[in-house]
C-alpha atoms as a PDB file:
ATOM      1  CA  UNK A   1      -1.166 -18.868  -8.457  1.00  0.00           C
ATOM      2  CA  UNK A   2      -3.673 -19.167  -5.625  1.00  0.00           C
ATOM      3  CA  UNK A   3      -3.676 -16.249  -3.161  1.00  0.00           C
ATOM      4  CA  UNK A   4      -5.316 -16.477   0.252  1.00  0.00           C
ATOM      5  CA  UNK A   5      -7.147 -13.267   1.062  1.00  0.00           C
ATOM      6  CA  UNK A   6      -7.479 -11.742   4.566  1.00  0.00           C
ATOM      7  CA  UNK A   7     -11.119 -12.938   4.789  1.00  0.00           C
ATOM      8  CA  UNK A   8      -9.979 -16.553   4.269  1.00  0.00           C
ATOM      9  CA  UNK A   9     -11.149 -16.931   0.674  1.00  0.00           C
ATOM     10  CA  UNK A  10      -8.760 -18.064  -2.037  1.00  0.00           C
ATOM     11  CA  UNK A  11      -8.587 -16.404  -5.456  1.00  0.00           C
ATOM     12  CA  UNK A  12      -6.524 -16.925  -8.574  1.00  0.00           C
ATOM     13  CA  UNK A  13      -3.905 -14.166  -8.875  1.00  0.00           C
ATOM     14  CA  UNK A  14      -0.910 -13.187 -10.947  1.00  0.00           C
ATOM     15  CA  UNK A  15       2.080 -11.476  -9.314  1.00  0.00           C
ATOM     16  CA  UNK A  16       2.880  -8.313 -11.246  1.00  0.00           C
ATOM     17  CA  UNK A  17       6.316  -6.789 -11.653  1.00  0.00           C
ATOM     18  CA  UNK A  18       6.383  -3.080 -10.849  1.00  0.00           C
ATOM     19  CA  UNK A  19       8.672  -0.080 -10.820  1.00  0.00           C
ATOM     20  CA  UNK A  20       8.020   2.803  -8.420  1.00  0.00           C
ATOM     21  CA  UNK A  21       7.030   5.952 -10.281  1.00  0.00           C
ATOM     22  CA  UNK A  22       6.565   8.179  -7.235  1.00  0.00           C
ATOM     23  CA  UNK A  23       6.605   7.534  -3.480  1.00  0.00           C
ATOM     24  CA  UNK A  24       5.696  10.698  -1.594  1.00  0.00           C
ATOM     25  CA  UNK A  25       5.751  11.320   2.131  1.00  0.00           C
ATOM     26  CA  UNK A  26       2.606  12.341   4.043  1.00  0.00           C
ATOM     27  CA  UNK A  27       3.463  14.895   6.736  1.00  0.00           C
ATOM     28  CA  UNK A  28       1.535  15.560   9.945  1.00  0.00           C
ATOM     29  CA  UNK A  29       2.350  18.358  12.401  1.00  0.00           C
ATOM     30  CA  UNK A  30       1.578  17.571  16.046  1.00  0.00           C
ATOM     31  CA  UNK A  31       0.610  20.187  18.625  1.00  0.00           C
ATOM     32  CA  UNK A  32       4.105  20.031  20.186  1.00  0.00           C
ATOM     33  CA  UNK A  33       5.697  20.884  16.827  1.00  0.00           C
ATOM     34  CA  UNK A  34       6.793  17.330  16.002  1.00  0.00           C
ATOM     35  CA  UNK A  35       6.522  16.418  12.325  1.00  0.00           C
ATOM     36  CA  UNK A  36       5.479  12.802  11.638  1.00  0.00           C
ATOM     37  CA  UNK A  37       6.283  11.512   8.147  1.00  0.00           C
ATOM     38  CA  UNK A  38       4.589   8.416   6.674  1.00  0.00           C
ATOM     39  CA  UNK A  39       5.297   6.645   3.405  1.00  0.00           C
ATOM     40  CA  UNK A  40       3.736   3.481   2.063  1.00  0.00           C
ATOM     41  CA  UNK A  41       5.854   1.264  -0.190  1.00  0.00           C
ATOM     42  CA  UNK A  42       4.463  -1.689  -2.125  1.00  0.00           C
ATOM     43  CA  UNK A  43       6.302  -4.986  -1.600  1.00  0.00           C
ATOM     44  CA  UNK A  44       4.102  -7.226  -3.823  1.00  0.00           C
ATOM     45  CA  UNK A  45       1.288  -6.432  -6.254  1.00  0.00           C
ATOM     46  CA  UNK A  46      -1.133  -9.085  -7.509  1.00  0.00           C
ATOM     47  CA  UNK A  47      -3.783  -8.804 -10.235  1.00  0.00           C
ATOM     48  CA  UNK A  48      -6.760 -10.921  -9.205  1.00  0.00           C
ATOM     49  CA  UNK A  49      -8.961 -12.875 -11.581  1.00  0.00           C
ATOM     50  CA  UNK A  50     -12.018 -11.055 -10.223  1.00  0.00           C
ATOM     51  CA  UNK A  51     -13.454  -8.119 -12.132  1.00  0.00           C
ATOM     52  CA  UNK A  52     -15.090  -5.004 -10.678  1.00  0.00           C
ATOM     53  CA  UNK A  53     -18.714  -4.926 -11.857  1.00  0.00           C
ATOM     54  CA  UNK A  54     -18.801  -1.123 -12.191  1.00  0.00           C
ATOM     55  CA  UNK A  55     -15.488  -0.410 -13.932  1.00  0.00           C
ATOM     56  CA  UNK A  56     -14.954  -3.744 -15.682  1.00  0.00           C
ATOM     57  CA  UNK A  57     -11.346  -3.758 -14.471  1.00  0.00           C
ATOM     58  CA  UNK A  58      -9.438  -6.343 -12.431  1.00  0.00           C
ATOM     59  CA  UNK A  59      -9.166  -6.149  -8.661  1.00  0.00           C
ATOM     60  CA  UNK A  60      -5.637  -5.803  -7.259  1.00  0.00           C
ATOM     61  CA  UNK A  61      -4.150  -6.904  -3.955  1.00  0.00           C
ATOM     62  CA  UNK A  62      -1.128  -4.995  -2.654  1.00  0.00           C
ATOM     63  CA  UNK A  63       1.206  -6.070   0.152  1.00  0.00           C
ATOM     64  CA  UNK A  64       2.941  -3.032   1.607  1.00  0.00           C
ATOM     65  CA  UNK A  65       5.120  -1.564   4.326  1.00  0.00           C
ATOM     66  CA  UNK A  66       4.533   1.718   6.138  1.00  0.00           C
ATOM     67  CA  UNK A  67       7.654   3.735   6.911  1.00  0.00           C
ATOM     68  CA  UNK A  68       7.348   6.157   9.847  1.00  0.00           C
ATOM     69  CA  UNK A  69       9.790   8.925  10.779  1.00  0.00           C
ATOM     70  CA  UNK A  70       9.509  11.643  13.426  1.00  0.00           C
ATOM     71  CA  UNK A  71      11.290  14.997  13.622  1.00  0.00           C
ATOM     72  CA  UNK A  72      10.925  16.544  17.086  1.00  0.00           C
ATOM     73  CA  UNK A  73      11.590  20.271  17.533  1.00  0.00           C
ATOM     74  CA  UNK A  74      14.724  21.430  19.364  1.00  0.00           C
ATOM     75  CA  UNK A  75      14.132  22.087  23.072  1.00  0.00           C
END
């Protein structure tokens, strides 16, 4: 399939099926004690026809969502 990239170019790509192996949360503590949690989840993964010159491996394009949660301290 043809996939339009963010820079406007079009590349040949193959949508890949995937199964989550691990999706960890990143935690950030704010100065007021609030804990912000972030997690990125992939919604679509594509293997592009282009090859990285250094590694010799395909490039991948990942569509994703960022989940944000906040836990404020008791007042």
